[in-house]
Amino acid sequence: MISGLDEEEANIKAIEYCKEREALYQAAIQNGYTVTDEEVWEYLDQLREVLEGASNKDDAMSIINQFDSEDDYWNYEFTVYQKNLPKQNYVADLEKNYFKDSNISKDSISSNKGSQNFTDADSGDLEYDSVKEEKWQTSFDELKKDLVADEDFEVVNQ
């Protein structure tokens, strides 16, 4: 396999990914993160614009060309983003709140990524931005595990 996993490991990872994705979606919905069809189409219009100027446009078009038509591709993406957008918005707010609670602006981390130190307002310690990003990622990974544990998933047709 391309990723270096054997078939059984790949299957386990795929199931884990699906559980995390669905658990995050359920948490997003439970926390009031929904999108309208109009919002999904607006997002897809933005993706189309990005695609037009992308350096890997040919790669993207080879995927799109796997569908019967470009409209079929975008209709498929519509169903994907009906679930992805609430989840993306939920996770973005979780991340923003994580950094806010740490007294650190996410914007300052993004603009200074890897180039400067900052003082953590709570501890007075200097930390690199990447350390804060790693802490966020660890916290997020724990949240996903907790969300999956809270769900009663049943794997069928394995």
Protein backbone atom coordinates (compact mmCIF):
# COMPACT_ATOMS: atom_id res chain seq x y z
CA MET A 1 0.00 0.00 0.00
CA ILE A 2 1.18 3.54 -0.69
CA SER A 3 1.06 4.70 2.94
CA GLY A 4 3.16 1.77 4.12
CA LEU A 5 0.26 0.14 5.95
CA ASP A 6 -0.85 -3.39 5.26
CA GLU A 7 -4.49 -3.98 4.39
CA GLU A 8 -5.58 -4.69 7.97
CA GLU A 9 -3.83 -1.58 9.34
CA ALA A 10 -5.29 0.54 6.55
CA ASN A 11 -8.77 -0.80 7.34
CA ILE A 12 -8.36 0.04 11.04
CA LYS A 13 -7.15 3.56 10.20
CA ALA A 14 -10.05 4.08 7.78
CA ILE A 15 -12.58 3.01 10.41
CA GLU A 16 -10.92 5.26 12.99
CA TYR A 17 -11.04 8.20 10.57
CA CYS A 18 -14.73 7.61 9.80
CA LYS A 19 -15.60 7.39 13.49
CA GLU A 20 -13.75 10.64 14.24
CA ARG A 21 -15.35 12.39 11.28
CA GLU A 22 -18.86 11.31 12.27
CA ALA A 23 -18.32 12.07 15.97
CA LEU A 24 -17.07 15.57 15.11
CA TYR A 25 -20.06 16.12 12.85
CA GLN A 26 -22.46 15.03 15.59
CA ALA A 27 -20.72 17.33 18.11
CA ALA A 28 -20.92 20.21 15.64
CA ILE A 29 -24.64 19.69 15.10
CA GLN A 30 -25.28 19.31 18.85
CA ASN A 31 -23.46 22.60 19.39
CA GLY A 32 -25.58 24.43 16.83
CA TYR A 33 -23.23 24.37 13.85
CA THR A 34 -25.36 23.97 10.76
CA VAL A 35 -25.19 25.29 7.21
CA THR A 36 -27.79 26.08 4.61
CA ASP A 37 -27.67 24.77 1.06
CA GLU A 38 -26.89 28.31 -0.05
CA GLU A 39 -23.86 28.47 2.26
CA VAL A 40 -22.57 25.17 0.88
CA TRP A 41 -22.92 26.36 -2.73
CA GLU A 42 -21.18 29.65 -1.86
CA TYR A 43 -18.30 27.69 -0.34
CA LEU A 44 -18.08 25.48 -3.41
CA ASP A 45 -18.04 28.57 -5.64
CA GLN A 46 -15.02 29.77 -3.66
CA LEU A 47 -13.37 26.37 -4.13
CA ARG A 48 -13.96 26.61 -7.88
CA GLU A 49 -12.24 30.00 -7.94
CA VAL A 50 -9.28 28.62 -6.00
CA LEU A 51 -9.12 25.68 -8.37
CA GLU A 52 -8.99 27.97 -11.40
CA GLY A 53 -5.78 29.58 -10.14
CA ALA A 54 -4.22 26.52 -8.51
CA SER A 55 -0.80 25.34 -9.60
CA ASN A 56 -2.08 21.76 -9.46
CA LYS A 57 -5.23 22.46 -11.47
CA ASP A 58 -4.43 19.57 -13.82
CA ASP A 59 -4.39 17.13 -10.89
CA ALA A 60 -7.75 18.43 -9.67
CA MET A 61 -9.21 18.24 -13.17
CA SER A 62 -8.10 14.61 -13.49
CA ILE A 63 -10.22 13.88 -10.40
CA ILE A 64 -13.17 15.88 -11.71
CA ASN A 65 -12.92 14.06 -15.04
CA GLN A 66 -13.56 10.76 -13.23
CA PHE A 67 -17.19 11.87 -12.93
CA ASP A 68 -19.71 11.82 -15.77
CA SER A 69 -19.67 15.61 -15.83
CA GLU A 70 -18.23 18.53 -13.90
CA ASP A 71 -21.72 19.19 -12.52
CA ASP A 72 -21.81 15.63 -11.16
CA TYR A 73 -18.51 16.29 -9.40
CA TRP A 74 -19.75 19.50 -7.78
CA ASN A 75 -23.02 17.84 -6.79
CA TYR A 76 -20.98 15.13 -5.09
CA GLU A 77 -18.86 17.77 -3.34
CA PHE A 78 -22.08 19.43 -2.20
CA THR A 79 -23.03 16.32 -0.23
CA VAL A 80 -19.52 16.11 1.21
CA TYR A 81 -19.52 19.72 2.38
CA GLN A 82 -23.00 19.51 3.88
CA LYS A 83 -21.17 17.55 6.59
CA ASN A 84 -17.71 19.08 6.31
CA LEU A 85 -18.69 22.72 6.74
CA PRO A 86 -20.44 22.39 10.10
CA LYS A 87 -17.48 20.33 11.28
CA GLN A 88 -14.93 22.82 9.90
CA ASN A 89 -16.73 25.75 11.54
CA TYR A 90 -16.97 23.89 14.85
CA VAL A 91 -13.29 22.94 14.85
CA ALA A 92 -12.24 26.47 13.84
CA ASP A 93 -14.14 27.87 16.82
CA LEU A 94 -12.71 25.23 19.15
CA GLU A 95 -9.21 26.17 18.01
CA LYS A 96 -9.89 29.89 18.34
CA ASN A 97 -11.25 29.37 21.85
CA TYR A 98 -8.29 27.18 22.78
CA PHE A 99 -5.86 29.96 21.90
CA LYS A 100 -8.12 32.60 23.45
CA ASP A 101 -8.19 30.63 26.70
CA SER A 102 -4.39 30.45 26.47
CA ASN A 103 -4.35 34.27 26.10
CA ILE A 104 -2.82 33.94 22.65
CA SER A 105 -4.25 35.29 19.45
CA LYS A 106 -4.51 32.63 16.74
CA ASP A 107 -3.82 35.42 14.24
CA SER A 108 -0.54 36.23 15.96
CA ILE A 109 0.46 32.59 15.86
CA SER A 110 -0.39 32.29 12.19
CA SER A 111 1.52 35.44 11.29
CA ASN A 112 4.55 34.57 13.42
CA LYS A 113 4.63 30.84 12.83
CA GLY A 114 8.14 29.55 13.31
CA SER A 115 9.77 32.96 13.36
CA GLN A 116 9.38 34.46 16.83
CA ASN A 117 8.89 33.70 20.49
CA PHE A 118 6.12 35.10 22.61
CA THR A 119 5.46 35.23 26.32
CA ASP A 120 2.70 33.01 27.64
CA ALA A 121 0.61 35.36 29.75
CA ASP A 122 -0.12 32.70 32.37
CA SER A 123 3.32 31.28 33.00
CA GLY A 124 5.69 33.95 31.77
CA ASP A 125 7.63 31.26 29.92
CA LEU A 126 8.84 31.80 26.39
CA GLU A 127 7.49 29.23 23.99
CA TYR A 128 7.74 28.84 20.26
CA ASP A 129 4.55 29.08 18.28
CA SER A 130 5.00 25.49 17.16
CA VAL A 131 4.79 24.33 20.77
CA LYS A 132 1.40 26.00 21.15
CA GLU A 133 0.27 24.46 17.87
CA GLU A 134 1.41 21.04 19.11
CA LYS A 135 -0.49 21.55 22.37
CA TRP A 136 -3.61 22.45 20.41
CA GLN A 137 -3.22 19.37 18.21
CA THR A 138 -2.79 17.14 21.27
CA SER A 139 -5.87 18.68 22.88
CA PHE A 140 -7.85 18.25 19.65
CA ASP A 141 -6.75 14.62 19.29
CA GLU A 142 -7.93 13.95 22.85
CA LEU A 143 -11.26 15.61 22.12
CA LYS A 144 -11.75 13.39 19.06
CA LYS A 145 -11.00 10.28 21.12
CA ASP A 146 -13.50 11.40 23.77
CA LEU A 147 -16.17 12.15 21.17
CA VAL A 148 -15.70 8.74 19.55
CA ALA A 149 -15.87 7.05 22.97
CA ASP A 150 -19.15 8.86 23.68
CA GLU A 151 -20.74 7.52 20.50
CA ASP A 152 -22.08 4.00 20.15
CA PHE A 153 -20.63 3.20 16.74
CA GLU A 154 -21.26 -0.12 15.10
CA VAL A 155 -19.02 -1.19 12.24
CA VAL A 156 -20.94 -3.17 9.66
CA ASN A 157 -19.81 -5.12 6.58
CA GLN A 158 -16.24 -5.34 7.72
